[in-house]
Amino acid sequence: MADVAYGPARKSSAALLPKDVVDNLPTSHFDKGVKVNSEFWADYGEALGEKFSEWQLK
């Protein structure tokens, strides 16, 4: 699973992985969370949603 960018199923498993791998997993950022730029989504959300829908229909 080294090529898959998912975190381990158990938090305790992270100790078994190399530090450079753990640092790049999504689960290593739980303490910071994901910051959402509300202005960006207010300005571009509708247009991006339409483009995404068009892509899904292809």
Protein backbone atom coordinates (compact mmCIF):
# COMPACT_ATOMS: atom_id res chain seq x y z
CA MET A 1 0.00 0.00 0.00
CA ALA A 2 3.00 2.32 -0.16
CA ASP A 3 1.73 3.89 -3.39
CA VAL A 4 -1.75 4.65 -2.04
CA ALA A 5 -2.16 8.04 -0.35
CA TYR A 6 -4.48 6.89 2.43
CA GLY A 7 -3.73 6.89 6.09
CA PRO A 8 -3.51 3.64 8.03
CA ALA A 9 -6.73 2.07 9.27
CA ARG A 10 -5.51 2.39 12.86
CA LYS A 11 -3.72 5.43 14.31
CA SER A 12 -1.32 3.13 16.15
CA SER A 13 -0.15 1.74 12.78
CA ALA A 14 1.42 5.09 11.87
CA ALA A 15 4.31 4.29 14.22
CA LEU A 16 5.22 1.37 11.94
CA LEU A 17 5.60 3.55 8.83
CA PRO A 18 8.65 5.59 7.79
CA LYS A 19 8.41 9.22 8.94
CA ASP A 20 8.61 10.61 5.38
CA VAL A 21 5.57 8.50 4.46
CA VAL A 22 3.58 9.49 7.55
CA ASP A 23 4.27 13.20 6.97
CA ASN A 24 2.67 13.02 3.51
CA LEU A 25 -0.48 11.12 4.45
CA PRO A 26 -3.81 12.96 4.81
CA THR A 27 -4.13 11.61 8.34
CA SER A 28 -1.02 13.49 9.47
CA HIS A 29 -2.89 16.79 9.28
CA PHE A 30 -5.84 16.09 11.59
CA ASP A 31 -4.62 18.65 14.12
CA LYS A 32 -4.67 21.45 11.53
CA GLY A 33 -7.71 20.45 9.52
CA VAL A 34 -8.48 21.69 6.04
CA LYS A 35 -8.90 25.39 5.53
CA VAL A 36 -11.65 26.44 3.15
CA ASN A 37 -11.41 29.69 1.25
CA SER A 38 -15.00 30.96 1.34
CA GLU A 39 -14.30 33.86 -1.02
CA PHE A 40 -12.89 31.49 -3.66
CA TRP A 41 -15.93 29.21 -3.47
CA ALA A 42 -18.32 32.19 -3.51
CA ASP A 43 -16.63 33.49 -6.66
CA TYR A 44 -16.00 30.21 -8.51
CA GLY A 45 -18.08 27.48 -6.85
CA GLU A 46 -21.01 27.53 -9.26
CA ALA A 47 -18.84 27.56 -12.40
CA LEU A 48 -16.61 24.79 -11.05
CA GLY A 49 -19.66 22.75 -10.11
CA GLU A 50 -20.98 23.03 -13.65
CA LYS A 51 -17.63 22.03 -15.16
CA PHE A 52 -17.43 19.07 -12.79
CA SER A 53 -20.92 17.94 -13.77
CA GLU A 54 -20.00 18.21 -17.48
CA TRP A 55 -16.88 16.11 -16.83
CA GLN A 56 -18.91 13.46 -14.99
CA LEU A 57 -21.30 13.12 -17.92
CA LYS A 58 -18.51 12.32 -20.39
